[in-house]
Amino acid sequence: MAILHLLRRSASSPMELAGVLGRARMGDGVLLLGDAAYAGLADACAAAAVADAGARGIALYCLAPDLEARGIVPQRLRSDIQVIEYSDFVDLSIQYQRNCSW
């Protein structure tokens, strides 16, 4: 059963983020919300953990309004992160059978 993991805050360390992302399985999705958007930056200290999740077949998403609110242009994100709108968030909530907030 695929899960949409909602990561709402930036982890205090790359190890903490790796622990959360480590719970996601192939076919799951991870949506970076709020301050967690910083983890999606290509040059972030947590970039390796995010890259590993993508390599394991986990879909990665980030909300465009959260990027805009933090002054982050989508081009600064890792290329494997899909930038979505609120309407896409609703679609993801339907697509994945369960969700888990972190």
PDB file of N, CA and C in Angstrom:
ATOM      1  N   MET A   1       0.846  -1.175   0.000  1.00  0.00           N
ATOM      2  CA  MET A   1       0.000   0.000   0.000  1.00  0.00           C
ATOM      3  C   MET A   1       0.896   1.246   0.000  1.00  0.00           C
ATOM      4  N   ALA A   2       0.813   2.034  -1.066  1.00  0.00           N
ATOM      5  CA  ALA A   2       1.674   3.208  -1.213  1.00  0.00           C
ATOM      6  C   ALA A   2       1.277   4.321  -0.238  1.00  0.00           C
ATOM      7  N   ILE A   3       2.287   4.977   0.290  1.00  0.00           N
ATOM      8  CA  ILE A   3       2.091   6.038   1.283  1.00  0.00           C
ATOM      9  C   ILE A   3       2.653   7.340   0.737  1.00  0.00           C
ATOM     10  N   LEU A   4       1.939   8.438   0.971  1.00  0.00           N
ATOM     11  CA  LEU A   4       2.450   9.765   0.701  1.00  0.00           C
ATOM     12  C   LEU A   4       2.976  10.317   2.023  1.00  0.00           C
ATOM     13  N   HIS A   5       4.281  10.500   2.103  1.00  0.00           N
ATOM     14  CA  HIS A   5       4.922  11.033   3.304  1.00  0.00           C
ATOM     15  C   HIS A   5       4.953  12.550   3.193  1.00  0.00           C
ATOM     16  N   LEU A   6       4.368  13.225   4.177  1.00  0.00           N
ATOM     17  CA  LEU A   6       4.306  14.680   4.192  1.00  0.00           C
ATOM     18  C   LEU A   6       5.364  15.194   5.159  1.00  0.00           C
ATOM     19  N   LEU A   7       6.439  15.710   4.611  1.00  0.00           N
ATOM     20  CA  LEU A   7       7.540  16.204   5.431  1.00  0.00           C
ATOM     21  C   LEU A   7       7.365  17.710   5.565  1.00  0.00           C
ATOM     22  N   ARG A   8       7.014  18.167   6.758  1.00  0.00           N
ATOM     23  CA  ARG A   8       6.610  19.556   6.973  1.00  0.00           C
ATOM     24  C   ARG A   8       7.698  20.490   7.487  1.00  0.00           C
ATOM     25  N   ARG A   9       8.716  19.956   8.063  1.00  0.00           N
ATOM     26  CA  ARG A   9       9.743  20.860   8.599  1.00  0.00           C
ATOM     27  C   ARG A   9      11.114  20.360   8.213  1.00  0.00           C
ATOM     28  N   SER A  10      12.021  21.272   8.200  1.00  0.00           N
ATOM     29  CA  SER A  10      13.394  20.910   7.854  1.00  0.00           C
ATOM     30  C   SER A  10      13.983  20.108   9.002  1.00  0.00           C
ATOM     31  N   ALA A  11      14.634  19.048   8.672  1.00  0.00           N
ATOM     32  CA  ALA A  11      15.273  18.225   9.700  1.00  0.00           C
ATOM     33  C   ALA A  11      16.444  18.999  10.299  1.00  0.00           C
ATOM     34  N   SER A  12      16.711  18.746  11.556  1.00  0.00           N
ATOM     35  CA  SER A  12      17.807  19.451  12.223  1.00  0.00           C
ATOM     36  C   SER A  12      19.166  18.934  11.782  1.00  0.00           C
ATOM     37  N   SER A  13      19.175  17.765  11.144  1.00  0.00           N
ATOM     38  CA  SER A  13      20.437  17.221  10.641  1.00  0.00           C
ATOM     39  C   SER A  13      20.150  16.317   9.444  1.00  0.00           C
ATOM     40  N   PRO A  14      21.147  16.129   8.574  1.00  0.00           N
ATOM     41  CA  PRO A  14      20.955  15.207   7.453  1.00  0.00           C
ATOM     42  C   PRO A  14      20.622  13.787   7.915  1.00  0.00           C
ATOM     43  N   MET A  15      21.153  13.378   9.062  1.00  0.00           N
ATOM     44  CA  MET A  15      20.879  12.032   9.581  1.00  0.00           C
ATOM     45  C   MET A  15      19.408  11.880   9.955  1.00  0.00           C
ATOM     46  N   GLU A  16      18.834  12.934  10.549  1.00  0.00           N
ATOM     47  CA  GLU A  16      17.422  12.892  10.921  1.00  0.00           C
ATOM     48  C   GLU A  16      16.555  12.776   9.662  1.00  0.00           C
ATOM     49  N   LEU A  17      16.868  13.552   8.648  1.00  0.00           N
ATOM     50  CA  LEU A  17      16.120  13.491   7.401  1.00  0.00           C
ATOM     51  C   LEU A  17      16.291  12.121   6.747  1.00  0.00           C
ATOM     52  N   ALA A  18      17.492  11.593   6.770  1.00  0.00           N
ATOM     53  CA  ALA A  18      17.738  10.265   6.201  1.00  0.00           C
ATOM     54  C   ALA A  18      16.900   9.210   6.922  1.00  0.00           C
ATOM     55  N   GLY A  19      16.729   9.366   8.228  1.00  0.00           N
ATOM     56  CA  GLY A  19      15.914   8.434   8.996  1.00  0.00           C
ATOM     57  C   GLY A  19      14.458   8.462   8.567  1.00  0.00           C
ATOM     58  N   VAL A  20      13.938   9.658   8.351  1.00  0.00           N
ATOM     59  CA  VAL A  20      12.553   9.794   7.899  1.00  0.00           C
ATOM     60  C   VAL A  20      12.409   9.232   6.491  1.00  0.00           C
ATOM     61  N   LEU A  21      13.304   9.634   5.590  1.00  0.00           N
ATOM     62  CA  LEU A  21      13.225   9.160   4.208  1.00  0.00           C
ATOM     63  C   LEU A  21      13.469   7.649   4.114  1.00  0.00           C
ATOM     64  N   GLY A  22      14.222   7.115   5.066  1.00  0.00           N
ATOM     65  CA  GLY A  22      14.488   5.682   5.084  1.00  0.00           C
ATOM     66  C   GLY A  22      13.248   4.841   5.335  1.00  0.00           C
ATOM     67  N   ARG A  23      12.216   5.453   5.889  1.00  0.00           N
ATOM     68  CA  ARG A  23      10.967   4.736   6.128  1.00  0.00           C
ATOM     69  C   ARG A  23      10.106   4.633   4.868  1.00  0.00           C
ATOM     70  N   ALA A  24      10.399   5.457   3.884  1.00  0.00           N
ATOM     71  CA  ALA A  24       9.660   5.409   2.619  1.00  0.00           C
ATOM     72  C   ALA A  24      10.148   4.225   1.790  1.00  0.00           C
ATOM     73  N   ARG A  25       9.239   3.624   1.071  1.00  0.00           N
ATOM     74  CA  ARG A  25       9.534   2.448   0.255  1.00  0.00           C
ATOM     75  C   ARG A  25       9.271   2.737  -1.221  1.00  0.00           C
ATOM     76  N   MET A  26       9.800   1.880  -2.079  1.00  0.00           N
ATOM     77  CA  MET A  26       9.564   2.027  -3.509  1.00  0.00           C
ATOM     78  C   MET A  26       8.059   2.137  -3.763  1.00  0.00           C
ATOM     79  N   GLY A  27       7.680   3.101  -4.567  1.00  0.00           N
ATOM     80  CA  GLY A  27       6.277   3.327  -4.863  1.00  0.00           C
ATOM     81  C   GLY A  27       5.631   4.375  -3.988  1.00  0.00           C
ATOM     82  N   ASP A  28       6.296   4.727  -2.874  1.00  0.00           N
ATOM     83  CA  ASP A  28       5.809   5.801  -2.011  1.00  0.00           C
ATOM     84  C   ASP A  28       6.159   7.145  -2.633  1.00  0.00           C
ATOM     85  N   GLY A  29       5.598   8.192  -2.066  1.00  0.00           N
ATOM     86  CA  GLY A  29       5.926   9.550  -2.459  1.00  0.00           C
ATOM     87  C   GLY A  29       6.295  10.362  -1.234  1.00  0.00           C
ATOM     88  N   VAL A  30       7.133  11.368  -1.422  1.00  0.00           N
ATOM     89  CA  VAL A  30       7.507  12.289  -0.344  1.00  0.00           C
ATOM     90  C   VAL A  30       7.218  13.699  -0.834  1.00  0.00           C
ATOM     91  N   LEU A  31       6.388  14.415  -0.089  1.00  0.00           N
ATOM     92  CA  LEU A  31       6.062  15.801  -0.409  1.00  0.00           C
ATOM     93  C   LEU A  31       6.739  16.704   0.609  1.00  0.00           C
ATOM     94  N   LEU A  32       7.614  17.566   0.121  1.00  0.00           N
ATOM     95  CA  LEU A  32       8.313  18.529   0.971  1.00  0.00           C
ATOM     96  C   LEU A  32       7.432  19.767   1.117  1.00  0.00           C
ATOM     97  N   LEU A  33       7.012  20.027   2.345  1.00  0.00           N
ATOM     98  CA  LEU A  33       6.130  21.151   2.650  1.00  0.00           C
ATOM     99  C   LEU A  33       6.827  22.123   3.592  1.00  0.00           C
ATOM    100  N   GLY A  34       6.429  23.370   3.576  1.00  0.00           N
ATOM    101  CA  GLY A  34       6.968  24.349   4.517  1.00  0.00           C
ATOM    102  C   GLY A  34       8.476  24.409   4.462  1.00  0.00           C
ATOM    103  N   ASP A  35       9.105  24.433   5.640  1.00  0.00           N
ATOM    104  CA  ASP A  35      10.566  24.531   5.712  1.00  0.00           C
ATOM    105  C   ASP A  35      11.278  23.302   5.162  1.00  0.00           C
ATOM    106  N   ALA A  36      10.567  22.198   4.986  1.00  0.00           N
ATOM    107  CA  ALA A  36      11.191  21.011   4.391  1.00  0.00           C
ATOM    108  C   ALA A  36      11.584  21.264   2.941  1.00  0.00           C
ATOM    109  N   ALA A  37      11.066  22.319   2.337  1.00  0.00           N
ATOM    110  CA  ALA A  37      11.445  22.664   0.958  1.00  0.00           C
ATOM    111  C   ALA A  37      12.948  22.883   0.844  1.00  0.00           C
ATOM    112  N   TYR A  38      13.566  23.363   1.904  1.00  0.00           N
ATOM    113  CA  TYR A  38      15.018  23.581   1.876  1.00  0.00           C
ATOM    114  C   TYR A  38      15.788  22.280   1.636  1.00  0.00           C
ATOM    115  N   ALA A  39      15.232  21.152   2.060  1.00  0.00           N
ATOM    116  CA  ALA A  39      15.903  19.865   1.869  1.00  0.00           C
ATOM    117  C   ALA A  39      15.983  19.482   0.396  1.00  0.00           C
ATOM    118  N   GLY A  40      15.143  20.082  -0.426  1.00  0.00           N
ATOM    119  CA  GLY A  40      15.146  19.778  -1.845  1.00  0.00           C
ATOM    120  C   GLY A  40      16.175  20.543  -2.657  1.00  0.00           C
ATOM    121  N   LEU A  41      16.847  21.496  -2.026  1.00  0.00           N
ATOM    122  CA  LEU A  41      17.860  22.269  -2.752  1.00  0.00           C
ATOM    123  C   LEU A  41      18.999  21.360  -3.188  1.00  0.00           C
ATOM    124  N   ALA A  42      19.460  21.578  -4.398  1.00  0.00           N
ATOM    125  CA  ALA A  42      20.520  20.736  -4.951  1.00  0.00           C
ATOM    126  C   ALA A  42      21.791  20.798  -4.114  1.00  0.00           C
ATOM    127  N   ASP A  43      22.030  21.933  -3.456  1.00  0.00           N
ATOM    128  CA  ASP A  43      23.255  22.088  -2.669  1.00  0.00           C
ATOM    129  C   ASP A  43      23.009  21.987  -1.161  1.00  0.00           C
ATOM    130  N   ALA A  44      21.861  21.451  -0.765  1.00  0.00           N
ATOM    131  CA  ALA A  44      21.536  21.324   0.657  1.00  0.00           C
ATOM    132  C   ALA A  44      22.393  20.250   1.315  1.00  0.00           C
ATOM    133  N   CYS A  45      22.596  20.386   2.623  1.00  0.00           N
ATOM    134  CA  CYS A  45      23.388  19.382   3.340  1.00  0.00           C
ATOM    135  C   CYS A  45      22.674  18.035   3.348  1.00  0.00           C
ATOM    136  N   ALA A  46      21.366  18.044   3.109  1.00  0.00           N
ATOM    137  CA  ALA A  46      20.597  16.795   3.089  1.00  0.00           C
ATOM    138  C   ALA A  46      20.422  16.240   1.677  1.00  0.00           C
ATOM    139  N   ALA A  47      21.119  16.807   0.706  1.00  0.00           N
ATOM    140  CA  ALA A  47      20.933  16.410  -0.695  1.00  0.00           C
ATOM    141  C   ALA A  47      21.175  14.923  -0.912  1.00  0.00           C
ATOM    142  N   ALA A  48      22.127  14.338  -0.217  1.00  0.00           N
ATOM    143  CA  ALA A  48      22.430  12.918  -0.406  1.00  0.00           C
ATOM    144  C   ALA A  48      21.255  12.044   0.033  1.00  0.00           C
ATOM    145  N   ALA A  49      20.610  12.400   1.126  1.00  0.00           N
ATOM    146  CA  ALA A  49      19.466  11.623   1.607  1.00  0.00           C
ATOM    147  C   ALA A  49      18.302  11.713   0.633  1.00  0.00           C
ATOM    148  N   VAL A  50      18.080  12.895   0.081  1.00  0.00           N
ATOM    149  CA  VAL A  50      17.002  13.079  -0.892  1.00  0.00           C
ATOM    150  C   VAL A  50      17.336  12.320  -2.177  1.00  0.00           C
ATOM    151  N   ALA A  51      18.587  12.383  -2.605  1.00  0.00           N
ATOM    152  CA  ALA A  51      19.014  11.656  -3.810  1.00  0.00           C
ATOM    153  C   ALA A  51      18.821  10.155  -3.628  1.00  0.00           C
ATOM    154  N   ASP A  52      19.142   9.645  -2.458  1.00  0.00           N
ATOM    155  CA  ASP A  52      18.982   8.220  -2.179  1.00  0.00           C
ATOM    156  C   ASP A  52      17.521   7.810  -2.268  1.00  0.00           C
ATOM    157  N   ALA A  53      16.635   8.650  -1.735  1.00  0.00           N
ATOM    158  CA  ALA A  53      15.203   8.335  -1.802  1.00  0.00           C
ATOM    159  C   ALA A  53      14.751   8.261  -3.256  1.00  0.00           C
ATOM    160  N   GLY A  54      15.167   9.209  -4.060  1.00  0.00           N
ATOM    161  CA  GLY A  54      14.805   9.192  -5.473  1.00  0.00           C
ATOM    162  C   GLY A  54      15.345   7.972  -6.188  1.00  0.00           C
ATOM    163  N   ALA A  55      16.562   7.582  -5.852  1.00  0.00           N
ATOM    164  CA  ALA A  55      17.187   6.411  -6.481  1.00  0.00           C
ATOM    165  C   ALA A  55      16.476   5.111  -6.092  1.00  0.00           C
ATOM    166  N   ARG A  56      15.803   5.104  -4.948  1.00  0.00           N
ATOM    167  CA  ARG A  56      15.082   3.911  -4.491  1.00  0.00           C
ATOM    168  C   ARG A  56      13.661   3.842  -5.040  1.00  0.00           C
ATOM    169  N   GLY A  57      13.323   4.710  -5.987  1.00  0.00           N
ATOM    170  CA  GLY A  57      12.005   4.653  -6.606  1.00  0.00           C
ATOM    171  C   GLY A  57      10.926   5.378  -5.839  1.00  0.00           C
ATOM    172  N   ILE A  58      11.328   6.327  -5.032  1.00  0.00           N
ATOM    173  CA  ILE A  58      10.377   7.134  -4.273  1.00  0.00           C
ATOM    174  C   ILE A  58      10.170   8.444  -5.028  1.00  0.00           C
ATOM    175  N   ALA A  59       8.920   8.769  -5.313  1.00  0.00           N
ATOM    176  CA  ALA A  59       8.595  10.009  -6.019  1.00  0.00           C
ATOM    177  C   ALA A  59       8.774  11.191  -5.061  1.00  0.00           C
ATOM    178  N   LEU A  60       9.402  12.241  -5.551  1.00  0.00           N
ATOM    179  CA  LEU A  60       9.696  13.413  -4.730  1.00  0.00           C
ATOM    180  C   LEU A  60       8.942  14.623  -5.271  1.00  0.00           C
ATOM    181  N   TYR A  61       8.269  15.343  -4.372  1.00  0.00           N
ATOM    182  CA  TYR A  61       7.467  16.502  -4.742  1.00  0.00           C
ATOM    183  C   TYR A  61       7.765  17.664  -3.796  1.00  0.00           C
ATOM    184  N   CYS A  62       7.495  18.871  -4.265  1.00  0.00           N
ATOM    185  CA  CYS A  62       7.612  20.053  -3.424  1.00  0.00           C
ATOM    186  C   CYS A  62       6.520  21.029  -3.848  1.00  0.00           C
ATOM    187  N   LEU A  63       5.880  21.667  -2.884  1.00  0.00           N
ATOM    188  CA  LEU A  63       4.806  22.609  -3.177  1.00  0.00           C
ATOM    189  C   LEU A  63       5.362  23.952  -3.652  1.00  0.00           C
ATOM    190  N   ALA A  64       4.909  24.402  -4.812  1.00  0.00           N
ATOM    191  CA  ALA A  64       5.362  25.666  -5.390  1.00  0.00           C
ATOM    192  C   ALA A  64       5.118  26.857  -4.458  1.00  0.00           C
ATOM    193  N   PRO A  65       3.943  26.971  -3.812  1.00  0.00           N
ATOM    194  CA  PRO A  65       3.735  28.111  -2.918  1.00  0.00           C
ATOM    195  C   PRO A  65       4.724  28.148  -1.739  1.00  0.00           C
ATOM    196  N   ASP A  66       5.155  26.976  -1.273  1.00  0.00           N
ATOM    197  CA  ASP A  66       6.131  26.940  -0.182  1.00  0.00           C
ATOM    198  C   ASP A  66       7.503  27.385  -0.668  1.00  0.00           C
ATOM    199  N   LEU A  67       7.840  27.050  -1.899  1.00  0.00           N
ATOM    200  CA  LEU A  67       9.099  27.542  -2.481  1.00  0.00           C
ATOM    201  C   LEU A  67       9.059  29.052  -2.604  1.00  0.00           C
ATOM    202  N   GLU A  68       7.958  29.555  -3.157  1.00  0.00           N
ATOM    203  CA  GLU A  68       7.814  30.992  -3.367  1.00  0.00           C
ATOM    204  C   GLU A  68       7.880  31.757  -2.045  1.00  0.00           C
ATOM    205  N   ALA A  69       7.232  31.223  -1.016  1.00  0.00           N
ATOM    206  CA  ALA A  69       7.229  31.885   0.291  1.00  0.00           C
ATOM    207  C   ALA A  69       8.623  31.971   0.898  1.00  0.00           C
ATOM    208  N   ARG A  70       9.517  31.085   0.472  1.00  0.00           N
ATOM    209  CA  ARG A  70      10.884  31.066   1.004  1.00  0.00           C
ATOM    210  C   ARG A  70      11.897  31.646   0.029  1.00  0.00           C
ATOM    211  N   GLY A  71      11.417  32.198  -1.071  1.00  0.00           N
ATOM    212  CA  GLY A  71      12.306  32.817  -2.045  1.00  0.00           C
ATOM    213  C   GLY A  71      13.173  31.817  -2.801  1.00  0.00           C
ATOM    214  N   ILE A  72      12.706  30.587  -2.920  1.00  0.00           N
ATOM    215  CA  ILE A  72      13.465  29.543  -3.614  1.00  0.00           C
ATOM    216  C   ILE A  72      12.913  29.404  -5.031  1.00  0.00           C
ATOM    217  N   VAL A  73      13.761  29.553  -6.009  1.00  0.00           N
ATOM    218  CA  VAL A  73      13.326  29.332  -7.392  1.00  0.00           C
ATOM    219  C   VAL A  73      13.436  27.832  -7.686  1.00  0.00           C
ATOM    220  N   PRO A  74      12.467  27.286  -8.410  1.00  0.00           N
ATOM    221  CA  PRO A  74      12.461  25.841  -8.671  1.00  0.00           C
ATOM    222  C   PRO A  74      13.742  25.326  -9.324  1.00  0.00           C
ATOM    223  N   GLN A  75      14.432  26.151 -10.065  1.00  0.00           N
ATOM    224  CA  GLN A  75      15.663  25.725 -10.728  1.00  0.00           C
ATOM    225  C   GLN A  75      16.762  25.352  -9.741  1.00  0.00           C
ATOM    226  N   ARG A  76      16.634  25.775  -8.491  1.00  0.00           N
ATOM    227  CA  ARG A  76      17.637  25.432  -7.470  1.00  0.00           C
ATOM    228  C   ARG A  76      17.396  24.066  -6.842  1.00  0.00           C
ATOM    229  N   LEU A  77      16.240  23.461  -7.139  1.00  0.00           N
ATOM    230  CA  LEU A  77      15.927  22.145  -6.585  1.00  0.00           C
ATOM    231  C   LEU A  77      16.637  21.049  -7.358  1.00  0.00           C
ATOM    232  N   ARG A  78      16.741  19.905  -6.728  1.00  0.00           N
ATOM    233  CA  ARG A  78      17.252  18.725  -7.423  1.00  0.00           C
ATOM    234  C   ARG A  78      16.339  18.461  -8.612  1.00  0.00           C
ATOM    235  N   SER A  79      16.890  17.947  -9.675  1.00  0.00           N
ATOM    236  CA  SER A  79      16.114  17.729 -10.899  1.00  0.00           C
ATOM    237  C   SER A  79      15.066  16.627 -10.761  1.00  0.00           C
ATOM    238  N   ASP A  80      15.209  15.762  -9.764  1.00  0.00           N
ATOM    239  CA  ASP A  80      14.238  14.673  -9.593  1.00  0.00           C
ATOM    240  C   ASP A  80      13.060  15.047  -8.697  1.00  0.00           C
ATOM    241  N   ILE A  81      12.976  16.311  -8.307  1.00  0.00           N
ATOM    242  CA  ILE A  81      11.856  16.780  -7.493  1.00  0.00           C
ATOM    243  C   ILE A  81      10.862  17.494  -8.398  1.00  0.00           C
ATOM    244  N   GLN A  82       9.625  17.034  -8.339  1.00  0.00           N
ATOM    245  CA  GLN A  82       8.567  17.639  -9.142  1.00  0.00           C
ATOM    246  C   GLN A  82       7.891  18.741  -8.332  1.00  0.00           C
ATOM    247  N   VAL A  83       7.853  19.943  -8.879  1.00  0.00           N
ATOM    248  CA  VAL A  83       7.189  21.068  -8.225  1.00  0.00           C
ATOM    249  C   VAL A  83       5.706  21.001  -8.566  1.00  0.00           C
ATOM    250  N   ILE A  84       4.873  21.057  -7.533  1.00  0.00           N
ATOM    251  CA  ILE A  84       3.432  20.911  -7.724  1.00  0.00           C
ATOM    252  C   ILE A  84       2.671  22.074  -7.097  1.00  0.00           C
ATOM    253  N   GLU A  85       1.416  22.196  -7.496  1.00  0.00           N
ATOM    254  CA  GLU A  85       0.490  23.193  -6.947  1.00  0.00           C
ATOM    255  C   GLU A  85      -0.449  22.507  -5.952  1.00  0.00           C
ATOM    256  N   TYR A  86      -1.287  23.304  -5.277  1.00  0.00           N
ATOM    257  CA  TYR A  86      -2.218  22.735  -4.305  1.00  0.00           C
ATOM    258  C   TYR A  86      -3.175  21.730  -4.954  1.00  0.00           C
ATOM    259  N   SER A  87      -3.614  22.006  -6.179  1.00  0.00           N
ATOM    260  CA  SER A  87      -4.532  21.073  -6.853  1.00  0.00           C
ATOM    261  C   SER A  87      -3.857  19.725  -7.091  1.00  0.00           C
ATOM    262  N   ASP A  88      -2.540  19.749  -7.355  1.00  0.00           N
ATOM    263  CA  ASP A  88      -1.795  18.496  -7.512  1.00  0.00           C
ATOM    264  C   ASP A  88      -1.691  17.753  -6.183  1.00  0.00           C
ATOM    265  N   PHE A  89      -1.589  18.501  -5.084  1.00  0.00           N
ATOM    266  CA  PHE A  89      -1.545  17.913  -3.747  1.00  0.00           C
ATOM    267  C   PHE A  89      -2.826  17.117  -3.501  1.00  0.00           C
ATOM    268  N   VAL A  90      -3.955  17.677  -3.900  1.00  0.00           N
ATOM    269  CA  VAL A  90      -5.235  16.969  -3.757  1.00  0.00           C
ATOM    270  C   VAL A  90      -5.199  15.676  -4.567  1.00  0.00           C
ATOM    271  N   ASP A  91      -4.696  15.757  -5.792  1.00  0.00           N
ATOM    272  CA  ASP A  91      -4.598  14.558  -6.638  1.00  0.00           C
ATOM    273  C   ASP A  91      -3.706  13.496  -5.995  1.00  0.00           C
ATOM    274  N   LEU A  92      -2.580  13.934  -5.402  1.00  0.00           N
ATOM    275  CA  LEU A  92      -1.684  12.982  -4.735  1.00  0.00           C
ATOM    276  C   LEU A  92      -2.373  12.324  -3.547  1.00  0.00           C
ATOM    277  N   SER A  93      -3.179  13.103  -2.830  1.00  0.00           N
ATOM    278  CA  SER A  93      -3.896  12.562  -1.672  1.00  0.00           C
ATOM    279  C   SER A  93      -4.856  11.455  -2.085  1.00  0.00           C
ATOM    280  N   ILE A  94      -5.349  11.543  -3.301  1.00  0.00           N
ATOM    281  CA  ILE A  94      -6.247  10.507  -3.828  1.00  0.00           C
ATOM    282  C   ILE A  94      -5.426   9.331  -4.372  1.00  0.00           C
ATOM    283  N   GLN A  95      -4.322   9.649  -5.042  1.00  0.00           N
ATOM    284  CA  GLN A  95      -3.483   8.621  -5.682  1.00  0.00           C
ATOM    285  C   GLN A  95      -2.880   7.656  -4.666  1.00  0.00           C
ATOM    286  N   TYR A  96      -2.366   8.191  -3.553  1.00  0.00           N
ATOM    287  CA  TYR A  96      -1.747   7.348  -2.526  1.00  0.00           C
ATOM    288  C   TYR A  96      -2.814   6.909  -1.522  1.00  0.00           C
ATOM    289  N   GLN A  97      -2.788   5.641  -1.146  1.00  0.00           N
ATOM    290  CA  GLN A  97      -3.825   5.096  -0.280  1.00  0.00           C
ATOM    291  C   GLN A  97      -3.772   5.653   1.144  1.00  0.00           C
ATOM    292  N   ARG A  98      -2.573   5.993   1.591  1.00  0.00           N
ATOM    293  CA  ARG A  98      -2.400   6.502   2.974  1.00  0.00           C
ATOM    294  C   ARG A  98      -1.446   7.678   2.950  1.00  0.00           C
ATOM    295  N   ASN A  99      -1.454   8.440   4.031  1.00  0.00           N
ATOM    296  CA  ASN A  99      -0.445   9.477   4.183  1.00  0.00           C
ATOM    297  C   ASN A  99       0.097   9.455   5.600  1.00  0.00           C
ATOM    298  N   CYS A 100       1.301   9.968   5.737  1.00  0.00           N
ATOM    299  CA  CYS A 100       1.980  10.000   7.032  1.00  0.00           C
ATOM    300  C   CYS A 100       2.689  11.337   7.147  1.00  0.00           C
ATOM    301  N   SER A 101       2.361  12.088   8.176  1.00  0.00           N
ATOM    302  CA  SER A 101       2.971  13.402   8.401  1.00  0.00           C
ATOM    303  C   SER A 101       4.167  13.295   9.330  1.00  0.00           C
ATOM    304  N   TRP A 102       5.222  13.993   8.969  1.00  0.00           N
ATOM    305  CA  TRP A 102       6.442  14.013   9.777  1.00  0.00           C
ATOM    306  C   TRP A 102       6.717  15.441  10.201  1.00  0.00           C
TER     307      TRP A 102
END
